[in-house]
Structure formats: C-alpha cells, structure tokens
PDB file of all heavy atoms in Angstrom:
ATOM      1  N   GLY A   1      90.149  95.470  82.464  1.00  0.00           N
ATOM      2  CA  GLY A   1      91.337  95.324  83.199  1.00  0.00           C
ATOM      3  C   GLY A   1      91.384  94.236  84.273  1.00  0.00           C
ATOM      4  O   GLY A   1      90.386  93.445  84.383  1.00  0.00           O
ATOM      5  N   VAL A   2      92.412  94.207  85.049  1.00  0.00           N
ATOM      6  CA  VAL A   2      92.591  93.177  86.137  1.00  0.00           C
ATOM      7  C   VAL A   2      92.216  93.820  87.516  1.00  0.00           C
ATOM      8  O   VAL A   2      91.932  93.081  88.453  1.00  0.00           O
ATOM      9  CB  VAL A   2      94.040  92.705  86.151  1.00  0.00           C
ATOM     10  CG1 VAL A   2      94.243  91.613  87.213  1.00  0.00           C
ATOM     11  CG2 VAL A   2      94.384  92.109  84.746  1.00  0.00           C
ATOM     12  N   ASN A   3      92.222  95.166  87.616  1.00  0.00           N
ATOM     13  CA  ASN A   3      91.823  95.890  88.835  1.00  0.00           C
ATOM     14  C   ASN A   3      92.764  95.650  89.998  1.00  0.00           C
ATOM     15  O   ASN A   3      92.263  95.432  91.130  1.00  0.00           O
ATOM     16  CB  ASN A   3      90.363  95.696  89.163  1.00  0.00           C
ATOM     17  CG  ASN A   3      89.831  96.791  90.033  1.00  0.00           C
ATOM     18  OD1 ASN A   3      90.010  97.948  89.738  1.00  0.00           O
ATOM     19  ND2 ASN A   3      89.217  96.407  91.151  1.00  0.00           N
ATOM     20  N   GLN A   4      94.079  95.548  89.817  1.00  0.00           N
ATOM     21  CA  GLN A   4      94.950  95.445  90.889  1.00  0.00           C
ATOM     22  C   GLN A   4      95.591  96.801  91.275  1.00  0.00           C
ATOM     23  O   GLN A   4      96.040  97.528  90.395  1.00  0.00           O
ATOM     24  CB  GLN A   4      96.141  94.534  90.451  1.00  0.00           C
ATOM     25  CG  GLN A   4      95.711  93.082  90.179  1.00  0.00           C
ATOM     26  CD  GLN A   4      96.881  92.241  89.766  1.00  0.00           C
ATOM     27  OE1 GLN A   4      97.991  92.724  89.448  1.00  0.00           O
ATOM     28  NE2 GLN A   4      96.724  90.931  89.703  1.00  0.00           N
ATOM     29  N   SER A   5      95.675  97.002  92.561  1.00  0.00           N
ATOM     30  CA  SER A   5      96.251  98.235  93.037  1.00  0.00           C
ATOM     31  C   SER A   5      97.800  98.216  92.748  1.00  0.00           C
ATOM     32  O   SER A   5      98.418  97.165  92.731  1.00  0.00           O
ATOM     33  CB  SER A   5      96.047  98.437  94.528  1.00  0.00           C
ATOM     34  OG  SER A   5      96.575  97.313  95.275  1.00  0.00           O
ATOM     35  N   PRO A   6      98.323  99.349  92.385  1.00  0.00           N
ATOM     36  CA  PRO A   6      99.675  99.434  91.994  1.00  0.00           C
ATOM     37  C   PRO A   6     100.649  99.348  93.215  1.00  0.00           C
ATOM     38  O   PRO A   6     100.272  99.630  94.344  1.00  0.00           O
ATOM     39  CB  PRO A   6      99.886 100.863  91.353  1.00  0.00           C
ATOM     40  CG  PRO A   6      98.812 101.653  92.052  1.00  0.00           C
ATOM     41  CD  PRO A   6      97.671 100.671  92.323  1.00  0.00           C
ATOM     42  N   ASP A   7     101.906  98.952  93.001  1.00  0.00           N
ATOM     43  CA  ASP A   7     102.925  99.084  93.957  1.00  0.00           C
ATOM     44  C   ASP A   7     103.237 100.500  94.110  1.00  0.00           C
ATOM     45  O   ASP A   7     103.284 101.299  93.178  1.00  0.00           O
ATOM     46  CB  ASP A   7     104.187  98.233  93.537  1.00  0.00           C
ATOM     47  CG  ASP A   7     104.971  98.974  92.543  1.00  0.00           C
ATOM     48  OD1 ASP A   7     104.555  99.041  91.366  1.00  0.00           O
ATOM     49  OD2 ASP A   7     106.047  99.484  92.907  1.00  0.00           O
ATOM     50  N   LEU A   8     103.533 100.942  95.379  1.00  0.00           N
ATOM     51  CA  LEU A   8     103.944 102.236  95.731  1.00  0.00           C
ATOM     52  C   LEU A   8     105.040 102.259  96.785  1.00  0.00           C
ATOM     53  O   LEU A   8     104.910 101.462  97.660  1.00  0.00           O
ATOM     54  CB  LEU A   8     102.770 103.096  96.191  1.00  0.00           C
ATOM     55  CG  LEU A   8     101.543 103.232  95.290  1.00  0.00           C
ATOM     56  CD1 LEU A   8     100.335 103.857  96.073  1.00  0.00           C
ATOM     57  CD2 LEU A   8     101.876 104.038  94.034  1.00  0.00           C
ATOM     58  N   SER A   9     106.010 103.066  96.608  1.00  0.00           N
ATOM     59  CA  SER A   9     107.018 103.227  97.658  1.00  0.00           C
ATOM     60  C   SER A   9     107.381 104.707  97.902  1.00  0.00           C
ATOM     61  O   SER A   9     107.296 105.480  96.943  1.00  0.00           O
ATOM     62  CB  SER A   9     108.340 102.400  97.363  1.00  0.00           C
ATOM     63  OG  SER A   9     108.916 102.913  96.244  1.00  0.00           O
ATOM     64  N   TRP A  10     107.587 105.114  99.109  1.00  0.00           N
ATOM     65  CA  TRP A  10     107.870 106.445  99.449  1.00  0.00           C
ATOM     66  C   TRP A  10     109.075 106.605 100.311  1.00  0.00           C
ATOM     67  O   TRP A  10     109.480 105.659 101.053  1.00  0.00           O
ATOM     68  CB  TRP A  10     106.698 107.208  99.874  1.00  0.00           C
ATOM     69  CG  TRP A  10     105.981 106.551 101.087  1.00  0.00           C
ATOM     70  CD1 TRP A  10     106.276 106.853 102.467  1.00  0.00           C
ATOM     71  CD2 TRP A  10     104.935 105.623 101.063  1.00  0.00           C
ATOM     72  NE1 TRP A  10     105.477 106.072 103.221  1.00  0.00           N
ATOM     73  CE2 TRP A  10     104.664 105.329 102.429  1.00  0.00           C
ATOM     74  CE3 TRP A  10     104.202 104.961 100.058  1.00  0.00           C
ATOM     75  CZ2 TRP A  10     103.612 104.325 102.775  1.00  0.00           C
ATOM     76  CZ3 TRP A  10     103.326 104.059 100.375  1.00  0.00           C
ATOM     77  CH2 TRP A  10     102.993 103.766 101.770  1.00  0.00           C
ATOM     78  N   SER A  11     109.699 107.842 100.298  1.00  0.00           N
ATOM     79  CA  SER A  11     110.890 108.053 101.125  1.00  0.00           C
ATOM     80  C   SER A  11     110.891 109.544 101.497  1.00  0.00           C
ATOM     81  O   SER A  11     110.076 110.354 100.988  1.00  0.00           O
ATOM     82  CB  SER A  11     112.096 107.717 100.329  1.00  0.00           C
ATOM     83  OG  SER A  11     112.199 108.457  99.160  1.00  0.00           O
ATOM     84  N   ASP A  12     111.767 109.839 102.502  1.00  0.00           N
ATOM     85  CA  ASP A  12     111.961 111.134 102.973  1.00  0.00           C
ATOM     86  C   ASP A  12     110.716 111.905 103.464  1.00  0.00           C
ATOM     87  O   ASP A  12     110.366 113.018 103.005  1.00  0.00           O
ATOM     88  CB  ASP A  12     112.574 111.980 101.879  1.00  0.00           C
ATOM     89  CG  ASP A  12     114.009 111.501 101.524  1.00  0.00           C
ATOM     90  OD1 ASP A  12     114.731 110.964 102.321  1.00  0.00           O
ATOM     91  OD2 ASP A  12     114.238 111.626 100.301  1.00  0.00           O
ATOM     92  N   PRO A  13     109.908 111.224 104.353  1.00  0.00           N
ATOM     93  CA  PRO A  13     108.726 111.895 104.907  1.00  0.00           C
ATOM     94  C   PRO A  13     109.141 113.142 105.733  1.00  0.00           C
ATOM     95  O   PRO A  13     110.245 113.144 106.295  1.00  0.00           O
ATOM     96  CB  PRO A  13     108.067 110.790 105.739  1.00  0.00           C
ATOM     97  CG  PRO A  13     109.187 109.937 106.179  1.00  0.00           C
ATOM     98  CD  PRO A  13     110.163 109.960 105.038  1.00  0.00           C
ATOM     99  N   PRO A  14     108.272 114.065 105.891  1.00  0.00           N
ATOM    100  CA  PRO A  14     108.549 115.211 106.746  1.00  0.00           C
ATOM    101  C   PRO A  14     108.651 114.807 108.174  1.00  0.00           C
ATOM    102  O   PRO A  14     108.093 113.854 108.673  1.00  0.00           O
ATOM    103  CB  PRO A  14     107.390 116.186 106.512  1.00  0.00           C
ATOM    104  CG  PRO A  14     106.380 115.430 105.742  1.00  0.00           C
ATOM    105  CD  PRO A  14     106.981 114.170 105.254  1.00  0.00           C
ATOM    106  N   ALA A  15     109.498 115.667 108.863  1.00  0.00           N
ATOM    107  CA  ALA A  15     109.589 115.343 110.381  1.00  0.00           C
ATOM    108  C   ALA A  15     108.195 115.490 111.025  1.00  0.00           C
ATOM    109  O   ALA A  15     107.379 116.246 110.586  1.00  0.00           O
ATOM    110  CB  ALA A  15     110.478 116.470 110.962  1.00  0.00           C
ATOM    111  N   GLY A  16     107.960 114.633 111.969  1.00  0.00           N
ATOM    112  CA  GLY A  16     106.704 114.570 112.717  1.00  0.00           C
ATOM    113  C   GLY A  16     105.651 113.676 112.071  1.00  0.00           C
ATOM    114  O   GLY A  16     104.546 113.594 112.660  1.00  0.00           O
ATOM    115  N   ALA A  17     105.936 113.064 110.999  1.00  0.00           N
ATOM    116  CA  ALA A  17     104.946 112.158 110.311  1.00  0.00           C
ATOM    117  C   ALA A  17     104.604 110.941 111.297  1.00  0.00           C
ATOM    118  O   ALA A  17     105.538 110.276 111.749  1.00  0.00           O
ATOM    119  CB  ALA A  17     105.449 111.680 109.069  1.00  0.00           C
ATOM    120  N   GLN A  18     103.376 110.914 111.581  1.00  0.00           N
ATOM    121  CA  GLN A  18     102.919 109.791 112.530  1.00  0.00           C
ATOM    122  C   GLN A  18     102.132 108.658 111.832  1.00  0.00           C
ATOM    123  O   GLN A  18     101.914 107.623 112.364  1.00  0.00           O
ATOM    124  CB  GLN A  18     102.047 110.410 113.661  1.00  0.00           C
ATOM    125  CG  GLN A  18     102.774 111.358 114.556  1.00  0.00           C
ATOM    126  CD  GLN A  18     101.897 111.801 115.721  1.00  0.00           C
ATOM    127  OE1 GLN A  18     101.238 111.019 116.339  1.00  0.00           O
ATOM    128  NE2 GLN A  18     101.937 113.130 115.997  1.00  0.00           N
ATOM    129  N   SER A  19     101.755 108.987 110.618  1.00  0.00           N
ATOM    130  CA  SER A  19     101.037 107.970 109.802  1.00  0.00           C
ATOM    131  C   SER A  19     101.067 108.500 108.332  1.00  0.00           C
ATOM    132  O   SER A  19     101.448 109.694 108.059  1.00  0.00           O
ATOM    133  CB  SER A  19      99.638 107.674 110.248  1.00  0.00           C
ATOM    134  OG  SER A  19      98.765 108.800 110.060  1.00  0.00           O
ATOM    135  N   PHE A  20     100.556 107.626 107.418  1.00  0.00           N
ATOM    136  CA  PHE A  20     100.423 107.969 105.992  1.00  0.00           C
ATOM    137  C   PHE A  20      99.066 107.673 105.508  1.00  0.00           C
ATOM    138  O   PHE A  20      98.313 106.853 106.067  1.00  0.00           O
ATOM    139  CB  PHE A  20     101.467 107.295 105.123  1.00  0.00           C
ATOM    140  CG  PHE A  20     102.903 107.550 105.505  1.00  0.00           C
ATOM    141  CD1 PHE A  20     103.575 106.758 106.375  1.00  0.00           C
ATOM    142  CD2 PHE A  20     103.467 108.717 104.960  1.00  0.00           C
ATOM    143  CE1 PHE A  20     104.893 107.007 106.719  1.00  0.00           C
ATOM    144  CE2 PHE A  20     104.807 108.997 105.351  1.00  0.00           C
ATOM    145  CZ  PHE A  20     105.508 108.164 106.198  1.00  0.00           C
ATOM    146  N   ALA A  21      98.755 108.296 104.406  1.00  0.00           N
ATOM    147  CA  ALA A  21      97.488 108.022 103.725  1.00  0.00           C
ATOM    148  C   ALA A  21      97.889 107.930 102.216  1.00  0.00           C
ATOM    149  O   ALA A  21      98.780 108.641 101.743  1.00  0.00           O
ATOM    150  CB  ALA A  21      96.410 109.021 103.945  1.00  0.00           C
ATOM    151  N   VAL A  22      97.163 107.184 101.465  1.00  0.00           N
ATOM    152  CA  VAL A  22      97.318 107.022  99.998  1.00  0.00           C
ATOM    153  C   VAL A  22      95.986 107.266  99.316  1.00  0.00           C
ATOM    154  O   VAL A  22      94.943 106.648  99.832  1.00  0.00           O
ATOM    155  CB  VAL A  22      97.906 105.683  99.537  1.00  0.00           C
ATOM    156  CG1 VAL A  22      97.856 105.495  98.042  1.00  0.00           C
ATOM    157  CG2 VAL A  22      99.313 105.487 100.094  1.00  0.00           C
ATOM    158  N   THR A  23      95.919 108.121  98.343  1.00  0.00           N
ATOM    159  CA  THR A  23      94.672 108.362  97.640  1.00  0.00           C
ATOM    160  C   THR A  23      94.921 108.249  96.151  1.00  0.00           C
ATOM    161  O   THR A  23      96.121 108.522  95.665  1.00  0.00           O
ATOM    162  CB  THR A  23      94.134 109.776  97.894  1.00  0.00           C
ATOM    163  OG1 THR A  23      95.066 110.804  97.579  1.00  0.00           O
ATOM    164  CG2 THR A  23      93.718 109.891  99.394  1.00  0.00           C
ATOM    165  N   MET A  24      93.872 107.863  95.396  1.00  0.00           N
ATOM    166  CA  MET A  24      93.957 107.938  93.919  1.00  0.00           C
ATOM    167  C   MET A  24      92.645 108.613  93.464  1.00  0.00           C
ATOM    168  O   MET A  24      91.536 108.267  93.886  1.00  0.00           O
ATOM    169  CB  MET A  24      93.955 106.540  93.354  1.00  0.00           C
ATOM    170  CG  MET A  24      94.078 106.520  91.834  1.00  0.00           C
ATOM    171  SD  MET A  24      94.382 104.770  91.313  1.00  0.00           S
ATOM    172  CE  MET A  24      94.103 104.956  89.520  1.00  0.00           C
ATOM    173  N   TYR A  25      92.790 109.685  92.763  1.00  0.00           N
ATOM    174  CA  TYR A  25      91.691 110.617  92.380  1.00  0.00           C
ATOM    175  C   TYR A  25      91.754 110.954  90.935  1.00  0.00           C
ATOM    176  O   TYR A  25      92.874 111.186  90.399  1.00  0.00           O
ATOM    177  CB  TYR A  25      91.805 111.858  93.220  1.00  0.00           C
ATOM    178  CG  TYR A  25      90.805 112.928  92.997  1.00  0.00           C
ATOM    179  CD1 TYR A  25      89.460 112.743  93.385  1.00  0.00           C
ATOM    180  CD2 TYR A  25      91.212 114.062  92.334  1.00  0.00           C
ATOM    181  CE1 TYR A  25      88.512 113.686  93.081  1.00  0.00           C
ATOM    182  CE2 TYR A  25      90.206 115.127  92.085  1.00  0.00           C
ATOM    183  CZ  TYR A  25      88.883 114.859  92.469  1.00  0.00           C
ATOM    184  OH  TYR A  25      87.948 115.860  92.204  1.00  0.00           O
ATOM    185  N   ASP A  26      90.632 111.000  90.287  1.00  0.00           N
ATOM    186  CA  ASP A  26      90.448 111.392  88.874  1.00  0.00           C
ATOM    187  C   ASP A  26      89.711 112.714  88.843  1.00  0.00           C
ATOM    188  O   ASP A  26      88.454 112.719  88.940  1.00  0.00           O
ATOM    189  CB  ASP A  26      89.749 110.264  88.093  1.00  0.00           C
ATOM    190  CG  ASP A  26      89.349 110.689  86.684  1.00  0.00           C
ATOM    191  OD1 ASP A  26      89.876 111.797  86.187  1.00  0.00           O
ATOM    192  OD2 ASP A  26      88.590 109.911  86.045  1.00  0.00           O
ATOM    193  N   PRO A  27      90.418 113.814  88.568  1.00  0.00           N
ATOM    194  CA  PRO A  27      89.719 115.112  88.549  1.00  0.00           C
ATOM    195  C   PRO A  27      88.996 115.337  87.265  1.00  0.00           C
ATOM    196  O   PRO A  27      88.187 116.246  87.127  1.00  0.00           O
ATOM    197  CB  PRO A  27      90.918 116.168  88.681  1.00  0.00           C
ATOM    198  CG  PRO A  27      92.087 115.364  88.057  1.00  0.00           C
ATOM    199  CD  PRO A  27      91.868 114.019  88.505  1.00  0.00           C
ATOM    200  N   ASP A  28      89.244 114.440  86.205  1.00  0.00           N
ATOM    201  CA  ASP A  28      88.575 114.538  84.894  1.00  0.00           C
ATOM    202  C   ASP A  28      87.277 113.882  84.804  1.00  0.00           C
ATOM    203  O   ASP A  28      86.570 113.923  83.748  1.00  0.00           O
ATOM    204  CB  ASP A  28      89.540 114.057  83.841  1.00  0.00           C
ATOM    205  CG  ASP A  28      90.873 114.792  83.773  1.00  0.00           C
ATOM    206  OD1 ASP A  28      90.881 116.022  83.974  1.00  0.00           O
ATOM    207  OD2 ASP A  28      91.930 114.133  83.654  1.00  0.00           O
ATOM    208  N   ALA A  29      86.847 113.089  85.864  1.00  0.00           N
ATOM    209  CA  ALA A  29      85.608 112.346  85.743  1.00  0.00           C
ATOM    210  C   ALA A  29      84.473 113.281  85.517  1.00  0.00           C
ATOM    211  O   ALA A  29      84.437 114.350  86.092  1.00  0.00           O
ATOM    212  CB  ALA A  29      85.405 111.583  87.016  1.00  0.00           C
ATOM    213  N   PRO A  30      83.544 112.925  84.651  1.00  0.00           N
ATOM    214  CA  PRO A  30      82.399 113.826  84.361  1.00  0.00           C
ATOM    215  C   PRO A  30      81.282 113.890  85.390  1.00  0.00           C
ATOM    216  O   PRO A  30      80.172 113.588  85.050  1.00  0.00           O
ATOM    217  CB  PRO A  30      81.915 113.272  82.975  1.00  0.00           C
ATOM    218  CG  PRO A  30      82.169 111.856  83.040  1.00  0.00           C
ATOM    219  CD  PRO A  30      83.559 111.743  83.844  1.00  0.00           C
ATOM    220  N   THR A  31      81.690 114.149  86.588  1.00  0.00           N
ATOM    221  CA  THR A  31      80.762 114.134  87.731  1.00  0.00           C
ATOM    222  C   THR A  31      80.514 115.548  88.319  1.00  0.00           C
ATOM    223  O   THR A  31      79.622 115.762  89.119  1.00  0.00           O
ATOM    224  CB  THR A  31      81.226 113.287  88.865  1.00  0.00           C
ATOM    225  OG1 THR A  31      82.464 113.818  89.318  1.00  0.00           O
ATOM    226  CG2 THR A  31      81.533 111.837  88.385  1.00  0.00           C
ATOM    227  N   GLY A  32      81.388 116.515  88.021  1.00  0.00           N
ATOM    228  CA  GLY A  32      81.360 117.738  88.608  1.00  0.00           C
ATOM    229  C   GLY A  32      82.192 117.850  89.939  1.00  0.00           C
ATOM    230  O   GLY A  32      82.488 118.845  90.450  1.00  0.00           O
ATOM    231  N   SER A  33      82.614 116.667  90.435  1.00  0.00           N
ATOM    232  CA  SER A  33      83.364 116.594  91.675  1.00  0.00           C
ATOM    233  C   SER A  33      84.500 115.549  91.582  1.00  0.00           C
ATOM    234  O   SER A  33      85.134 115.207  92.576  1.00  0.00           O
ATOM    235  CB  SER A  33      82.488 116.258  92.783  1.00  0.00           C
ATOM    236  OG  SER A  33      81.892 114.967  92.635  1.00  0.00           O
ATOM    237  N   GLY A  34      84.792 115.064  90.317  1.00  0.00           N
ATOM    238  CA  GLY A  34      85.893 114.111  90.212  1.00  0.00           C
ATOM    239  C   GLY A  34      85.503 112.717  90.679  1.00  0.00           C
ATOM    240  O   GLY A  34      84.250 112.455  90.869  1.00  0.00           O
ATOM    241  N   TRP A  35      86.461 111.857  90.823  1.00  0.00           N
ATOM    242  CA  TRP A  35      86.124 110.460  91.250  1.00  0.00           C
ATOM    243  C   TRP A  35      87.246 109.926  92.084  1.00  0.00           C
ATOM    244  O   TRP A  35      88.414 109.898  91.699  1.00  0.00           O
ATOM    245  CB  TRP A  35      86.007 109.583  89.947  1.00  0.00           C
ATOM    246  CG  TRP A  35      85.400 108.258  90.212  1.00  0.00           C
ATOM    247  CD1 TRP A  35      86.044 107.065  90.557  1.00  0.00           C
ATOM    248  CD2 TRP A  35      84.059 107.904  90.149  1.00  0.00           C
ATOM    249  NE1 TRP A  35      85.136 106.068  90.724  1.00  0.00           N
ATOM    250  CE2 TRP A  35      83.924 106.467  90.392  1.00  0.00           C
ATOM    251  CE3 TRP A  35      82.864 108.535  89.806  1.00  0.00           C
ATOM    252  CZ2 TRP A  35      82.672 105.808  90.433  1.00  0.00           C
ATOM    253  CZ3 TRP A  35      81.687 107.876  89.720  1.00  0.00           C
ATOM    254  CH2 TRP A  35      81.532 106.527  90.116  1.00  0.00           C
ATOM    255  N   TRP A  36      86.933 109.419  93.300  1.00  0.00           N
ATOM    256  CA  TRP A  36      87.914 108.814  94.172  1.00  0.00           C
ATOM    257  C   TRP A  36      87.981 107.348  93.916  1.00  0.00           C
ATOM    258  O   TRP A  36      86.960 106.591  93.971  1.00  0.00           O
ATOM    259  CB  TRP A  36      87.426 109.006  95.659  1.00  0.00           C
ATOM    260  CG  TRP A  36      87.523 110.428  96.080  1.00  0.00           C
ATOM    261  CD1 TRP A  36      86.504 111.336  96.146  1.00  0.00           C
ATOM    262  CD2 TRP A  36      88.682 111.119  96.552  1.00  0.00           C
ATOM    263  NE1 TRP A  36      86.999 112.580  96.538  1.00  0.00           N
ATOM    264  CE2 TRP A  36      88.304 112.413  96.817  1.00  0.00           C
ATOM    265  CE3 TRP A  36      90.062 110.677  96.743  1.00  0.00           C
ATOM    266  CZ2 TRP A  36      89.223 113.320  97.239  1.00  0.00           C
ATOM    267  CZ3 TRP A  36      90.980 111.656  97.201  1.00  0.00           C
ATOM    268  CH2 TRP A  36      90.519 113.008  97.477  1.00  0.00           C
ATOM    269  N   HIS A  37      89.168 106.853  93.570  1.00  0.00           N
ATOM    270  CA  HIS A  37      89.344 105.465  93.124  1.00  0.00           C
ATOM    271  C   HIS A  37      90.004 104.604  94.255  1.00  0.00           C
ATOM    272  O   HIS A  37      89.854 103.421  94.210  1.00  0.00           O
ATOM    273  CB  HIS A  37      90.342 105.444  91.943  1.00  0.00           C
ATOM    274  CG  HIS A  37      89.665 105.781  90.687  1.00  0.00           C
ATOM    275  ND1 HIS A  37      89.098 104.879  89.828  1.00  0.00           N
ATOM    276  CD2 HIS A  37      89.440 107.032  90.172  1.00  0.00           C
ATOM    277  CE1 HIS A  37      88.585 105.574  88.772  1.00  0.00           C
ATOM    278  NE2 HIS A  37      88.784 106.751  88.942  1.00  0.00           N
ATOM    279  N   TRP A  38      90.697 105.307  95.229  1.00  0.00           N
ATOM    280  CA  TRP A  38      91.305 104.552  96.331  1.00  0.00           C
ATOM    281  C   TRP A  38      91.578 105.534  97.434  1.00  0.00           C
ATOM    282  O   TRP A  38      92.097 106.650  97.226  1.00  0.00           O
ATOM    283  CB  TRP A  38      92.564 103.886  95.815  1.00  0.00           C
ATOM    284  CG  TRP A  38      93.163 102.811  96.617  1.00  0.00           C
ATOM    285  CD1 TRP A  38      92.481 101.994  97.490  1.00  0.00           C
ATOM    286  CD2 TRP A  38      94.495 102.366  96.597  1.00  0.00           C
ATOM    287  NE1 TRP A  38      93.318 100.982  97.937  1.00  0.00           N
ATOM    288  CE2 TRP A  38      94.588 101.196  97.413  1.00  0.00           C
ATOM    289  CE3 TRP A  38      95.618 102.681  95.861  1.00  0.00           C
ATOM    290  CZ2 TRP A  38      95.743 100.474  97.605  1.00  0.00           C
ATOM    291  CZ3 TRP A  38      96.777 101.993  96.100  1.00  0.00           C
ATOM    292  CH2 TRP A  38      96.874 100.850  96.999  1.00  0.00           C
ATOM    293  N   VAL A  39      91.182 105.075  98.638  1.00  0.00           N
ATOM    294  CA  VAL A  39      91.385 105.957  99.851  1.00  0.00           C
ATOM    295  C   VAL A  39      91.935 105.039 100.913  1.00  0.00           C
ATOM    296  O   VAL A  39      91.144 104.167 101.390  1.00  0.00           O
ATOM    297  CB  VAL A  39      90.127 106.662 100.311  1.00  0.00           C
ATOM    298  CG1 VAL A  39      90.411 107.564 101.463  1.00  0.00           C
ATOM    299  CG2 VAL A  39      89.552 107.555  99.088  1.00  0.00           C
ATOM    300  N   VAL A  40      93.164 105.169 101.329  1.00  0.00           N
ATOM    301  CA  VAL A  40      93.857 104.299 102.346  1.00  0.00           C
ATOM    302  C   VAL A  40      94.454 105.235 103.408  1.00  0.00           C
ATOM    303  O   VAL A  40      95.137 106.211 103.085  1.00  0.00           O
ATOM    304  CB  VAL A  40      94.904 103.454 101.700  1.00  0.00           C
ATOM    305  CG1 VAL A  40      95.497 102.383 102.688  1.00  0.00           C
ATOM    306  CG2 VAL A  40      94.471 102.803 100.462  1.00  0.00           C
ATOM    307  N   PHE A  41      94.160 104.933 104.670  1.00  0.00           N
ATOM    308  CA  PHE A  41      94.742 105.769 105.695  1.00  0.00           C
ATOM    309  C   PHE A  41      95.040 104.926 106.919  1.00  0.00           C
ATOM    310  O   PHE A  41      94.856 103.715 106.941  1.00  0.00           O
ATOM    311  CB  PHE A  41      93.874 106.884 106.046  1.00  0.00           C
ATOM    312  CG  PHE A  41      92.415 106.548 106.319  1.00  0.00           C
ATOM    313  CD1 PHE A  41      91.974 106.162 107.581  1.00  0.00           C
ATOM    314  CD2 PHE A  41      91.482 106.614 105.292  1.00  0.00           C
ATOM    315  CE1 PHE A  41      90.702 105.772 107.826  1.00  0.00           C
ATOM    316  CE2 PHE A  41      90.183 106.292 105.530  1.00  0.00           C
ATOM    317  CZ  PHE A  41      89.769 105.853 106.813  1.00  0.00           C
TER     318      PHE A  41
END
C-alpha cells in the first residue's frame, strides 16, 4: 500500500468537548490484544 492516513471529518460534538482524539484499532489482529494503528490526541 501507500500508507496514507485517511481524511476524516466530524460534526455535532457533545456539549463540553474541550478536545478530540482519533484512534484506529484492529480487534481481529492475532495478538490477543488487537492492534493500534493510529493514536492522535
């Protein structure tokens, strides 16, 4: 692959939101604990 992060857009956050985080997780990875692909905060 090219390994480019995808575009993402969001709307209607809950009241009181002071920041956001984005995660990408694979629960199917054969590790016993899944696989974290992207963690942004």
